[in-house]
Amino acid sequence: MPHGSEHHAPKRETCTGTADRANPVIAALQYIDTLTEREQEVLSAMPGGESNADMALSLGITERTVKFHVTNLREKLGGLTRLQLHLLALLNEAAAPRLRPSVPPSTGR
């Protein structure tokens, strides 16, 4: 029988490769598109270090629902800490305009 510290839970598909452990926040950026729309909204509400209560108020959902989505975010993105999620939200916010396809401005004519 294995020691308690040797028991392993079944593996879920998350960003946990060798390179991901070196910089998990940067590695998690590539998994943003795998999040549900609501998880992306919760992540987008995090860059300033907002509390669950503040995010719930701004998103129009309950604090318990925010906690649920934050837990899902942490699991899906390789076990990131809350601080790492805040950093990821900042990076995602900064990168988002560059990742969107550019649309030529209309001339209005």
PDB file of N, CA and C in Angstrom:
ATOM      1  N   MET A   1       0.851  -1.188   0.000  1.00  0.00           N
ATOM      2  CA  MET A   1       0.000   0.000   0.000  1.00  0.00           C
ATOM      3  C   MET A   1       0.886   1.237   0.000  1.00  0.00           C
ATOM      4  N   PRO A   2       0.653   2.187  -0.885  1.00  0.00           N
ATOM      5  CA  PRO A   2       1.512   3.377  -0.960  1.00  0.00           C
ATOM      6  C   PRO A   2       1.304   4.278   0.243  1.00  0.00           C
ATOM      7  N   HIS A   3       2.356   5.033   0.556  1.00  0.00           N
ATOM      8  CA  HIS A   3       2.263   6.032   1.612  1.00  0.00           C
ATOM      9  C   HIS A   3       1.253   7.086   1.194  1.00  0.00           C
ATOM     10  N   GLY A   4       0.655   7.806   2.175  1.00  0.00           N
ATOM     11  CA  GLY A   4      -0.351   8.827   1.891  1.00  0.00           C
ATOM     12  C   GLY A   4       0.118   9.868   0.904  1.00  0.00           C
ATOM     13  N   SER A   5       1.384  10.238   0.945  1.00  0.00           N
ATOM     14  CA  SER A   5       1.884  11.266   0.033  1.00  0.00           C
ATOM     15  C   SER A   5       2.094  10.743  -1.376  1.00  0.00           C
ATOM     16  N   GLU A   6       2.042   9.399  -1.546  1.00  0.00           N
ATOM     17  CA  GLU A   6       2.276   8.811  -2.864  1.00  0.00           C
ATOM     18  C   GLU A   6       0.980   8.539  -3.614  1.00  0.00           C
ATOM     19  N   HIS A   7      -0.164   8.719  -2.973  1.00  0.00           N
ATOM     20  CA  HIS A   7      -1.454   8.505  -3.639  1.00  0.00           C
ATOM     21  C   HIS A   7      -1.666   9.592  -4.677  1.00  0.00           C
ATOM     22  N   HIS A   8      -2.009   9.172  -5.875  1.00  0.00           N
ATOM     23  CA  HIS A   8      -2.207  10.134  -6.962  1.00  0.00           C
ATOM     24  C   HIS A   8      -3.651  10.098  -7.424  1.00  0.00           C
ATOM     25  N   ALA A   9      -4.250  11.261  -7.560  1.00  0.00           N
ATOM     26  CA  ALA A   9      -5.594  11.373  -8.116  1.00  0.00           C
ATOM     27  C   ALA A   9      -5.512  11.178  -9.620  1.00  0.00           C
ATOM     28  N   PRO A  10      -6.596  10.769 -10.246  1.00  0.00           N
ATOM     29  CA  PRO A  10      -6.577  10.622 -11.708  1.00  0.00           C
ATOM     30  C   PRO A  10      -6.198  11.941 -12.371  1.00  0.00           C
ATOM     31  N   LYS A  11      -5.428  11.836 -13.422  1.00  0.00           N
ATOM     32  CA  LYS A  11      -4.967  13.028 -14.139  1.00  0.00           C
ATOM     33  C   LYS A  11      -6.093  13.606 -14.975  1.00  0.00           C
ATOM     34  N   ARG A  12      -6.231  14.932 -14.929  1.00  0.00           N
ATOM     35  CA  ARG A  12      -7.152  15.660 -15.795  1.00  0.00           C
ATOM     36  C   ARG A  12      -6.309  16.438 -16.781  1.00  0.00           C
ATOM     37  N   GLU A  13      -6.858  16.703 -17.927  1.00  0.00           N
ATOM     38  CA  GLU A  13      -6.111  17.444 -18.936  1.00  0.00           C
ATOM     39  C   GLU A  13      -6.041  18.915 -18.543  1.00  0.00           C
ATOM     40  N   THR A  14      -4.875  19.335 -18.100  1.00  0.00           N
ATOM     41  CA  THR A  14      -4.632  20.726 -17.734  1.00  0.00           C
ATOM     42  C   THR A  14      -3.263  21.101 -18.248  1.00  0.00           C
ATOM     43  N   CYS A  15      -2.865  22.338 -18.036  1.00  0.00           N
ATOM     44  CA  CYS A  15      -1.562  22.796 -18.508  1.00  0.00           C
ATOM     45  C   CYS A  15      -0.514  22.504 -17.433  1.00  0.00           C
ATOM     46  N   THR A  16       0.021  21.274 -17.436  1.00  0.00           N
ATOM     47  CA  THR A  16       0.977  20.888 -16.406  1.00  0.00           C
ATOM     48  C   THR A  16       2.232  20.235 -16.981  1.00  0.00           C
ATOM     49  N   GLY A  17       2.597  20.544 -18.196  1.00  0.00           N
ATOM     50  CA  GLY A  17       3.807  19.992 -18.786  1.00  0.00           C
ATOM     51  C   GLY A  17       5.053  20.594 -18.156  1.00  0.00           C
ATOM     52  N   THR A  18       6.231  20.085 -18.520  1.00  0.00           N
ATOM     53  CA  THR A  18       7.487  20.554 -17.948  1.00  0.00           C
ATOM     54  C   THR A  18       7.691  22.044 -18.156  1.00  0.00           C
ATOM     55  N   ALA A  19       7.466  22.533 -19.361  1.00  0.00           N
ATOM     56  CA  ALA A  19       7.630  23.968 -19.630  1.00  0.00           C
ATOM     57  C   ALA A  19       6.619  24.785 -18.845  1.00  0.00           C
ATOM     58  N   ASP A  20       5.430  24.219 -18.634  1.00  0.00           N
ATOM     59  CA  ASP A  20       4.385  24.933 -17.905  1.00  0.00           C
ATOM     60  C   ASP A  20       4.789  25.199 -16.460  1.00  0.00           C
ATOM     61  N   ARG A  21       5.531  24.277 -15.855  1.00  0.00           N
ATOM     62  CA  ARG A  21       5.948  24.459 -14.464  1.00  0.00           C
ATOM     63  C   ARG A  21       6.975  25.574 -14.344  1.00  0.00           C
ATOM     64  N   ALA A  22       7.728  25.843 -15.418  1.00  0.00           N
ATOM     65  CA  ALA A  22       8.732  26.900 -15.381  1.00  0.00           C
ATOM     66  C   ALA A  22       8.073  28.265 -15.268  1.00  0.00           C
ATOM     67  N   ASN A  23       7.000  28.490 -15.982  1.00  0.00           N
ATOM     68  CA  ASN A  23       6.264  29.749 -15.912  1.00  0.00           C
ATOM     69  C   ASN A  23       4.784  29.450 -16.140  1.00  0.00           C
ATOM     70  N   PRO A  24       4.088  29.014 -15.096  1.00  0.00           N
ATOM     71  CA  PRO A  24       2.708  28.560 -15.270  1.00  0.00           C
ATOM     72  C   PRO A  24       1.733  29.638 -15.733  1.00  0.00           C
ATOM     73  N   VAL A  25       2.000  30.895 -15.400  1.00  0.00           N
ATOM     74  CA  VAL A  25       1.089  31.963 -15.812  1.00  0.00           C
ATOM     75  C   VAL A  25       1.164  32.160 -17.324  1.00  0.00           C
ATOM     76  N   ILE A  26       2.371  32.232 -17.858  1.00  0.00           N
ATOM     77  CA  ILE A  26       2.542  32.379 -19.313  1.00  0.00           C
ATOM     78  C   ILE A  26       1.986  31.150 -20.024  1.00  0.00           C
ATOM     79  N   ALA A  27       2.267  29.971 -19.486  1.00  0.00           N
ATOM     80  CA  ALA A  27       1.775  28.741 -20.104  1.00  0.00           C
ATOM     81  C   ALA A  27       0.250  28.697 -20.120  1.00  0.00           C
ATOM     82  N   ALA A  28      -0.382  29.218 -19.084  1.00  0.00           N
ATOM     83  CA  ALA A  28      -1.847  29.179 -18.996  1.00  0.00           C
ATOM     84  C   ALA A  28      -2.516  30.060 -20.043  1.00  0.00           C
ATOM     85  N   LEU A  29      -1.801  31.059 -20.564  1.00  0.00           N
ATOM     86  CA  LEU A  29      -2.385  31.932 -21.598  1.00  0.00           C
ATOM     87  C   LEU A  29      -2.912  31.135 -22.782  1.00  0.00           C
ATOM     88  N   GLN A  30      -2.231  30.044 -23.138  1.00  0.00           N
ATOM     89  CA  GLN A  30      -2.651  29.275 -24.300  1.00  0.00           C
ATOM     90  C   GLN A  30      -3.941  28.488 -24.052  1.00  0.00           C
ATOM     91  N   TYR A  31      -4.376  28.409 -22.803  1.00  0.00           N
ATOM     92  CA  TYR A  31      -5.581  27.658 -22.471  1.00  0.00           C
ATOM     93  C   TYR A  31      -6.803  28.545 -22.238  1.00  0.00           C
ATOM     94  N   ILE A  32      -6.672  29.845 -22.408  1.00  0.00           N
ATOM     95  CA  ILE A  32      -7.780  30.774 -22.183  1.00  0.00           C
ATOM     96  C   ILE A  32      -8.982  30.405 -23.048  1.00  0.00           C
ATOM     97  N   ASP A  33      -8.736  30.000 -24.283  1.00  0.00           N
ATOM     98  CA  ASP A  33      -9.833  29.674 -25.201  1.00  0.00           C
ATOM     99  C   ASP A  33     -10.594  28.414 -24.802  1.00  0.00           C
ATOM    100  N   THR A  34     -10.045  27.606 -23.881  1.00  0.00           N
ATOM    101  CA  THR A  34     -10.737  26.391 -23.438  1.00  0.00           C
ATOM    102  C   THR A  34     -11.717  26.674 -22.308  1.00  0.00           C
ATOM    103  N   LEU A  35     -11.691  27.885 -21.777  1.00  0.00           N
ATOM    104  CA  LEU A  35     -12.577  28.251 -20.673  1.00  0.00           C
ATOM    105  C   LEU A  35     -13.979  28.547 -21.182  1.00  0.00           C
ATOM    106  N   THR A  36     -14.967  28.335 -20.314  1.00  0.00           N
ATOM    107  CA  THR A  36     -16.338  28.695 -20.689  1.00  0.00           C
ATOM    108  C   THR A  36     -16.433  30.221 -20.764  1.00  0.00           C
ATOM    109  N   GLU A  37     -17.491  30.696 -21.378  1.00  0.00           N
ATOM    110  CA  GLU A  37     -17.686  32.138 -21.488  1.00  0.00           C
ATOM    111  C   GLU A  37     -17.731  32.782 -20.095  1.00  0.00           C
ATOM    112  N   ARG A  38     -18.434  32.160 -19.157  1.00  0.00           N
ATOM    113  CA  ARG A  38     -18.543  32.729 -17.805  1.00  0.00           C
ATOM    114  C   ARG A  38     -17.191  32.689 -17.093  1.00  0.00           C
ATOM    115  N   GLU A  39     -16.412  31.623 -17.275  1.00  0.00           N
ATOM    116  CA  GLU A  39     -15.076  31.572 -16.665  1.00  0.00           C
ATOM    117  C   GLU A  39     -14.202  32.688 -17.219  1.00  0.00           C
ATOM    118  N   GLN A  40     -14.317  32.956 -18.512  1.00  0.00           N
ATOM    119  CA  GLN A  40     -13.555  34.044 -19.104  1.00  0.00           C
ATOM    120  C   GLN A  40     -14.003  35.388 -18.542  1.00  0.00           C
ATOM    121  N   GLU A  41     -15.299  35.547 -18.295  1.00  0.00           N
ATOM    122  CA  GLU A  41     -15.806  36.789 -17.710  1.00  0.00           C
ATOM    123  C   GLU A  41     -15.270  36.976 -16.290  1.00  0.00           C
ATOM    124  N   VAL A  42     -15.255  35.884 -15.508  1.00  0.00           N
ATOM    125  CA  VAL A  42     -14.728  35.961 -14.138  1.00  0.00           C
ATOM    126  C   VAL A  42     -13.238  36.293 -14.180  1.00  0.00           C
ATOM    127  N   LEU A  43     -12.486  35.647 -15.060  1.00  0.00           N
ATOM    128  CA  LEU A  43     -11.061  35.943 -15.186  1.00  0.00           C
ATOM    129  C   LEU A  43     -10.850  37.400 -15.581  1.00  0.00           C
ATOM    130  N   SER A  44     -11.667  37.901 -16.489  1.00  0.00           N
ATOM    131  CA  SER A  44     -11.540  39.293 -16.934  1.00  0.00           C
ATOM    132  C   SER A  44     -11.849  40.287 -15.824  1.00  0.00           C
ATOM    133  N   ALA A  45     -12.577  39.842 -14.804  1.00  0.00           N
ATOM    134  CA  ALA A  45     -12.917  40.720 -13.684  1.00  0.00           C
ATOM    135  C   ALA A  45     -11.832  40.726 -12.606  1.00  0.00           C
ATOM    136  N   MET A  46     -10.761  39.957 -12.807  1.00  0.00           N
ATOM    137  CA  MET A  46      -9.754  39.768 -11.759  1.00  0.00           C
ATOM    138  C   MET A  46      -8.499  40.630 -11.813  1.00  0.00           C
ATOM    139  N   PRO A  47      -8.175  41.370 -12.852  1.00  0.00           N
ATOM    140  CA  PRO A  47      -6.836  41.970 -12.941  1.00  0.00           C
ATOM    141  C   PRO A  47      -6.450  42.924 -11.824  1.00  0.00           C
ATOM    142  N   GLY A  48      -7.392  43.552 -11.164  1.00  0.00           N
ATOM    143  CA  GLY A  48      -7.051  44.513 -10.117  1.00  0.00           C
ATOM    144  C   GLY A  48      -6.994  43.913  -8.732  1.00  0.00           C
ATOM    145  N   GLY A  49      -7.079  42.588  -8.620  1.00  0.00           N
ATOM    146  CA  GLY A  49      -7.051  41.961  -7.312  1.00  0.00           C
ATOM    147  C   GLY A  49      -8.378  42.063  -6.589  1.00  0.00           C
ATOM    148  N   GLU A  50      -9.465  42.144  -7.346  1.00  0.00           N
ATOM    149  CA  GLU A  50     -10.792  42.290  -6.768  1.00  0.00           C
ATOM    150  C   GLU A  50     -11.160  41.098  -5.898  1.00  0.00           C
ATOM    151  N   SER A  51     -11.963  41.352  -4.882  1.00  0.00           N
ATOM    152  CA  SER A  51     -12.456  40.280  -4.020  1.00  0.00           C
ATOM    153  C   SER A  51     -13.581  39.543  -4.734  1.00  0.00           C
ATOM    154  N   ASN A  52     -13.926  38.360  -4.217  1.00  0.00           N
ATOM    155  CA  ASN A  52     -15.051  37.620  -4.780  1.00  0.00           C
ATOM    156  C   ASN A  52     -16.333  38.445  -4.709  1.00  0.00           C
ATOM    157  N   ALA A  53     -16.522  39.155  -3.595  1.00  0.00           N
ATOM    158  CA  ALA A  53     -17.727  39.976  -3.431  1.00  0.00           C
ATOM    159  C   ALA A  53     -17.780  41.094  -4.477  1.00  0.00           C
ATOM    160  N   ASP A  54     -16.643  41.740  -4.716  1.00  0.00           N
ATOM    161  CA  ASP A  54     -16.591  42.804  -5.722  1.00  0.00           C
ATOM    162  C   ASP A  54     -16.874  42.258  -7.121  1.00  0.00           C
ATOM    163  N   MET A  55     -16.277  41.098  -7.434  1.00  0.00           N
ATOM    164  CA  MET A  55     -16.509  40.502  -8.752  1.00  0.00           C
ATOM    165  C   MET A  55     -17.961  40.084  -8.905  1.00  0.00           C
ATOM    166  N   ALA A  56     -18.550  39.529  -7.854  1.00  0.00           N
ATOM    167  CA  ALA A  56     -19.957  39.116  -7.905  1.00  0.00           C
ATOM    168  C   ALA A  56     -20.847  40.308  -8.211  1.00  0.00           C
ATOM    169  N   LEU A  57     -20.572  41.408  -7.543  1.00  0.00           N
ATOM    170  CA  LEU A  57     -21.366  42.619  -7.760  1.00  0.00           C
ATOM    171  C   LEU A  57     -21.233  43.119  -9.195  1.00  0.00           C
ATOM    172  N   SER A  58     -19.998  43.175  -9.702  1.00  0.00           N
ATOM    173  CA  SER A  58     -19.792  43.698 -11.053  1.00  0.00           C
ATOM    174  C   SER A  58     -20.325  42.759 -12.136  1.00  0.00           C
ATOM    175  N   LEU A  59     -20.359  41.444 -11.856  1.00  0.00           N
ATOM    176  CA  LEU A  59     -20.839  40.478 -12.849  1.00  0.00           C
ATOM    177  C   LEU A  59     -22.323  40.157 -12.697  1.00  0.00           C
ATOM    178  N   GLY A  60     -22.931  40.622 -11.608  1.00  0.00           N
ATOM    179  CA  GLY A  60     -24.344  40.349 -11.391  1.00  0.00           C
ATOM    180  C   GLY A  60     -24.636  38.901 -11.033  1.00  0.00           C
ATOM    181  N   ILE A  61     -23.690  38.258 -10.324  1.00  0.00           N
ATOM    182  CA  ILE A  61     -23.868  36.875  -9.882  1.00  0.00           C
ATOM    183  C   ILE A  61     -23.566  36.815  -8.389  1.00  0.00           C
ATOM    184  N   THR A  62     -23.813  35.666  -7.775  1.00  0.00           N
ATOM    185  CA  THR A  62     -23.552  35.549  -6.339  1.00  0.00           C
ATOM    186  C   THR A  62     -22.074  35.317  -6.071  1.00  0.00           C
ATOM    187  N   GLU A  63     -21.656  35.620  -4.859  1.00  0.00           N
ATOM    188  CA  GLU A  63     -20.271  35.383  -4.456  1.00  0.00           C
ATOM    189  C   GLU A  63     -19.945  33.890  -4.525  1.00  0.00           C
ATOM    190  N   ARG A  64     -20.920  33.056  -4.164  1.00  0.00           N
ATOM    191  CA  ARG A  64     -20.704  31.603  -4.227  1.00  0.00           C
ATOM    192  C   ARG A  64     -20.429  31.162  -5.672  1.00  0.00           C
ATOM    193  N   THR A  65     -21.123  31.757  -6.624  1.00  0.00           N
ATOM    194  CA  THR A  65     -20.905  31.429  -8.032  1.00  0.00           C
ATOM    195  C   THR A  65     -19.520  31.878  -8.481  1.00  0.00           C
ATOM    196  N   VAL A  66     -19.068  33.034  -8.017  1.00  0.00           N
ATOM    197  CA  VAL A  66     -17.708  33.492  -8.331  1.00  0.00           C
ATOM    198  C   VAL A  66     -16.699  32.481  -7.790  1.00  0.00           C
ATOM    199  N   LYS A  67     -16.877  32.048  -6.540  1.00  0.00           N
ATOM    200  CA  LYS A  67     -15.956  31.071  -5.941  1.00  0.00           C
ATOM    201  C   LYS A  67     -15.927  29.783  -6.752  1.00  0.00           C
ATOM    202  N   PHE A  68     -17.093  29.346  -7.216  1.00  0.00           N
ATOM    203  CA  PHE A  68     -17.181  28.147  -8.047  1.00  0.00           C
ATOM    204  C   PHE A  68     -16.346  28.304  -9.311  1.00  0.00           C
ATOM    205  N   HIS A  69     -16.500  29.440  -9.990  1.00  0.00           N
ATOM    206  CA  HIS A  69     -15.766  29.656 -11.238  1.00  0.00           C
ATOM    207  C   HIS A  69     -14.269  29.846 -10.992  1.00  0.00           C
ATOM    208  N   VAL A  70     -13.894  30.509  -9.916  1.00  0.00           N
ATOM    209  CA  VAL A  70     -12.468  30.671  -9.590  1.00  0.00           C
ATOM    210  C   VAL A  70     -11.841  29.298  -9.342  1.00  0.00           C
ATOM    211  N   THR A  71     -12.547  28.430  -8.635  1.00  0.00           N
ATOM    212  CA  THR A  71     -12.049  27.067  -8.401  1.00  0.00           C
ATOM    213  C   THR A  71     -11.867  26.339  -9.724  1.00  0.00           C
ATOM    214  N   ASN A  72     -12.844  26.462 -10.622  1.00  0.00           N
ATOM    215  CA  ASN A  72     -12.723  25.831 -11.942  1.00  0.00           C
ATOM    216  C   ASN A  72     -11.546  26.401 -12.723  1.00  0.00           C
ATOM    217  N   LEU A  73     -11.367  27.713 -12.670  1.00  0.00           N
ATOM    218  CA  LEU A  73     -10.236  28.345 -13.351  1.00  0.00           C
ATOM    219  C   LEU A  73      -8.922  27.779 -12.845  1.00  0.00           C
ATOM    220  N   ARG A  74      -8.795  27.691 -11.531  1.00  0.00           N
ATOM    221  CA  ARG A  74      -7.553  27.194 -10.940  1.00  0.00           C
ATOM    222  C   ARG A  74      -7.275  25.764 -11.397  1.00  0.00           C
ATOM    223  N   GLU A  75      -8.305  24.918 -11.418  1.00  0.00           N
ATOM    224  CA  GLU A  75      -8.130  23.532 -11.851  1.00  0.00           C
ATOM    225  C   GLU A  75      -7.793  23.429 -13.331  1.00  0.00           C
ATOM    226  N   LYS A  76      -8.557  24.119 -14.171  1.00  0.00           N
ATOM    227  CA  LYS A  76      -8.356  24.031 -15.615  1.00  0.00           C
ATOM    228  C   LYS A  76      -7.025  24.620 -16.059  1.00  0.00           C
ATOM    229  N   LEU A  77      -6.502  25.567 -15.300  1.00  0.00           N
ATOM    230  CA  LEU A  77      -5.275  26.257 -15.717  1.00  0.00           C
ATOM    231  C   LEU A  77      -4.050  25.751 -14.961  1.00  0.00           C
ATOM    232  N   GLY A  78      -4.114  24.512 -14.506  1.00  0.00           N
ATOM    233  CA  GLY A  78      -2.932  23.868 -13.954  1.00  0.00           C
ATOM    234  C   GLY A  78      -2.673  24.139 -12.487  1.00  0.00           C
ATOM    235  N   GLY A  79      -3.699  24.489 -11.726  1.00  0.00           N
ATOM    236  CA  GLY A  79      -3.519  24.699 -10.294  1.00  0.00           C
ATOM    237  C   GLY A  79      -2.916  26.048  -9.941  1.00  0.00           C
ATOM    238  N   LEU A  80      -3.179  27.049 -10.750  1.00  0.00           N
ATOM    239  CA  LEU A  80      -2.656  28.379 -10.459  1.00  0.00           C
ATOM    240  C   LEU A  80      -3.178  28.879  -9.115  1.00  0.00           C
ATOM    241  N   THR A  81      -2.377  29.677  -8.441  1.00  0.00           N
ATOM    242  CA  THR A  81      -2.823  30.327  -7.208  1.00  0.00           C
ATOM    243  C   THR A  81      -3.726  31.495  -7.572  1.00  0.00           C
ATOM    244  N   ARG A  82      -4.366  32.051  -6.575  1.00  0.00           N
ATOM    245  CA  ARG A  82      -5.224  33.223  -6.806  1.00  0.00           C
ATOM    246  C   ARG A  82      -4.380  34.379  -7.371  1.00  0.00           C
ATOM    247  N   LEU A  83      -3.206  34.592  -6.808  1.00  0.00           N
ATOM    248  CA  LEU A  83      -2.318  35.642  -7.309  1.00  0.00           C
ATOM    249  C   LEU A  83      -1.941  35.386  -8.763  1.00  0.00           C
ATOM    250  N   GLN A  84      -1.647  34.144  -9.107  1.00  0.00           N
ATOM    251  CA  GLN A  84      -1.305  33.823 -10.491  1.00  0.00           C
ATOM    252  C   GLN A  84      -2.489  34.067 -11.424  1.00  0.00           C
ATOM    253  N   LEU A  85      -3.714  33.811 -10.935  1.00  0.00           N
ATOM    254  CA  LEU A  85      -4.895  34.121 -11.758  1.00  0.00           C
ATOM    255  C   LEU A  85      -5.004  35.620 -12.012  1.00  0.00           C
ATOM    256  N   HIS A  86      -4.705  36.425 -10.991  1.00  0.00           N
ATOM    257  CA  HIS A  86      -4.732  37.884 -11.173  1.00  0.00           C
ATOM    258  C   HIS A  86      -3.690  38.304 -12.214  1.00  0.00           C
ATOM    259  N   LEU A  87      -2.502  37.721 -12.140  1.00  0.00           N
ATOM    260  CA  LEU A  87      -1.456  38.036 -13.128  1.00  0.00           C
ATOM    261  C   LEU A  87      -1.874  37.592 -14.524  1.00  0.00           C
ATOM    262  N   LEU A  88      -2.469  36.411 -14.612  1.00  0.00           N
ATOM    263  CA  LEU A  88      -2.952  35.908 -15.894  1.00  0.00           C
ATOM    264  C   LEU A  88      -4.005  36.849 -16.478  1.00  0.00           C
ATOM    265  N   ALA A  89      -4.906  37.331 -15.632  1.00  0.00           N
ATOM    266  CA  ALA A  89      -5.941  38.267 -16.092  1.00  0.00           C
ATOM    267  C   ALA A  89      -5.306  39.539 -16.649  1.00  0.00           C
ATOM    268  N   LEU A  90      -4.268  40.032 -15.975  1.00  0.00           N
ATOM    269  CA  LEU A  90      -3.561  41.221 -16.472  1.00  0.00           C
ATOM    270  C   LEU A  90      -2.894  40.958 -17.812  1.00  0.00           C
ATOM    271  N   LEU A  91      -2.211  39.827 -17.924  1.00  0.00           N
ATOM    272  CA  LEU A  91      -1.551  39.477 -19.183  1.00  0.00           C
ATOM    273  C   LEU A  91      -2.568  39.285 -20.303  1.00  0.00           C
ATOM    274  N   ASN A  92      -3.657  38.619 -19.987  1.00  0.00           N
ATOM    275  CA  ASN A  92      -4.690  38.381 -20.989  1.00  0.00           C
ATOM    276  C   ASN A  92      -5.309  39.696 -21.454  1.00  0.00           C
ATOM    277  N   GLU A  93      -5.532  40.606 -20.518  1.00  0.00           N
ATOM    278  CA  GLU A  93      -6.082  41.927 -20.854  1.00  0.00           C
ATOM    279  C   GLU A  93      -5.116  42.702 -21.746  1.00  0.00           C
ATOM    280  N   ALA A  94      -3.824  42.616 -21.443  1.00  0.00           N
ATOM    281  CA  ALA A  94      -2.815  43.338 -22.229  1.00  0.00           C
ATOM    282  C   ALA A  94      -2.629  42.721 -23.612  1.00  0.00           C
ATOM    283  N   ALA A  95      -2.755  41.397 -23.709  1.00  0.00           N
ATOM    284  CA  ALA A  95      -2.520  40.704 -24.978  1.00  0.00           C
ATOM    285  C   ALA A  95      -3.752  40.702 -25.869  1.00  0.00           C
ATOM    286  N   ALA A  96      -4.936  40.816 -25.283  1.00  0.00           N
ATOM    287  CA  ALA A  96      -6.180  40.659 -26.042  1.00  0.00           C
ATOM    288  C   ALA A  96      -6.282  41.548 -27.282  1.00  0.00           C
ATOM    289  N   PRO A  97      -5.991  42.854 -27.195  1.00  0.00           N
ATOM    290  CA  PRO A  97      -6.127  43.681 -28.402  1.00  0.00           C
ATOM    291  C   PRO A  97      -5.208  43.234 -29.542  1.00  0.00           C
ATOM    292  N   ARG A  98      -4.032  42.730 -29.192  1.00  0.00           N
ATOM    293  CA  ARG A  98      -3.095  42.306 -30.235  1.00  0.00           C
ATOM    294  C   ARG A  98      -3.500  40.983 -30.841  1.00  0.00           C
ATOM    295  N   LEU A  99      -4.276  40.180 -30.114  1.00  0.00           N
ATOM    296  CA  LEU A  99      -4.659  38.865 -30.606  1.00  0.00           C
ATOM    297  C   LEU A  99      -5.928  38.908 -31.446  1.00  0.00           C
ATOM    298  N   ARG A 100      -6.685  39.981 -31.344  1.00  0.00           N
ATOM    299  CA  ARG A 100      -7.905  40.101 -32.130  1.00  0.00           C
ATOM    300  C   ARG A 100      -7.563  40.494 -33.563  1.00  0.00           C
ATOM    301  N   PRO A 101      -8.286  39.935 -34.529  1.00  0.00           N
ATOM    302  CA  PRO A 101      -8.018  40.337 -35.912  1.00  0.00           C
ATOM    303  C   PRO A 101      -8.347  41.815 -36.109  1.00  0.00           C
ATOM    304  N   SER A 102      -7.526  42.478 -36.863  1.00  0.00           N
ATOM    305  CA  SER A 102      -7.773  43.901 -37.089  1.00  0.00           C
ATOM    306  C   SER A 102      -8.842  44.063 -38.170  1.00  0.00           C
ATOM    307  N   VAL A 103      -9.713  44.996 -37.928  1.00  0.00           N
ATOM    308  CA  VAL A 103     -10.774  45.299 -38.880  1.00  0.00           C
ATOM    309  C   VAL A 103     -10.497  46.686 -39.421  1.00  0.00           C
ATOM    310  N   PRO A 104     -10.429  46.823 -40.738  1.00  0.00           N
ATOM    311  CA  PRO A 104     -10.156  48.155 -41.285  1.00  0.00           C
ATOM    312  C   PRO A 104     -11.258  49.126 -40.881  1.00  0.00           C
ATOM    313  N   PRO A 105     -10.907  50.338 -40.533  1.00  0.00           N
ATOM    314  CA  PRO A 105     -11.923  51.322 -40.162  1.00  0.00           C
ATOM    315  C   PRO A 105     -12.816  51.641 -41.350  1.00  0.00           C
ATOM    316  N   SER A 106     -14.090  51.860 -41.036  1.00  0.00           N
ATOM    317  CA  SER A 106     -15.001  52.209 -42.130  1.00  0.00           C
ATOM    318  C   SER A 106     -14.815  53.688 -42.468  1.00  0.00           C
ATOM    319  N   THR A 107     -15.033  53.998 -43.714  1.00  0.00           N
ATOM    320  CA  THR A 107     -14.855  55.382 -44.155  1.00  0.00           C
ATOM    321  C   THR A 107     -16.105  56.198 -43.946  1.00  0.00           C
ATOM    322  N   GLY A 108     -17.230  55.511 -43.677  1.00  0.00           N
ATOM    323  CA  GLY A 108     -18.479  56.233 -43.441  1.00  0.00           C
ATOM    324  C   GLY A 108     -19.074  56.833 -44.700  1.00  0.00           C
ATOM    325  N   ARG A 109     -18.598  56.403 -45.852  1.00  0.00           N
ATOM    326  CA  ARG A 109     -19.131  56.938 -47.118  1.00  0.00           C
ATOM    327  C   ARG A 109     -19.998  55.954 -47.811  1.00  0.00           C
TER     328      ARG A 109
END
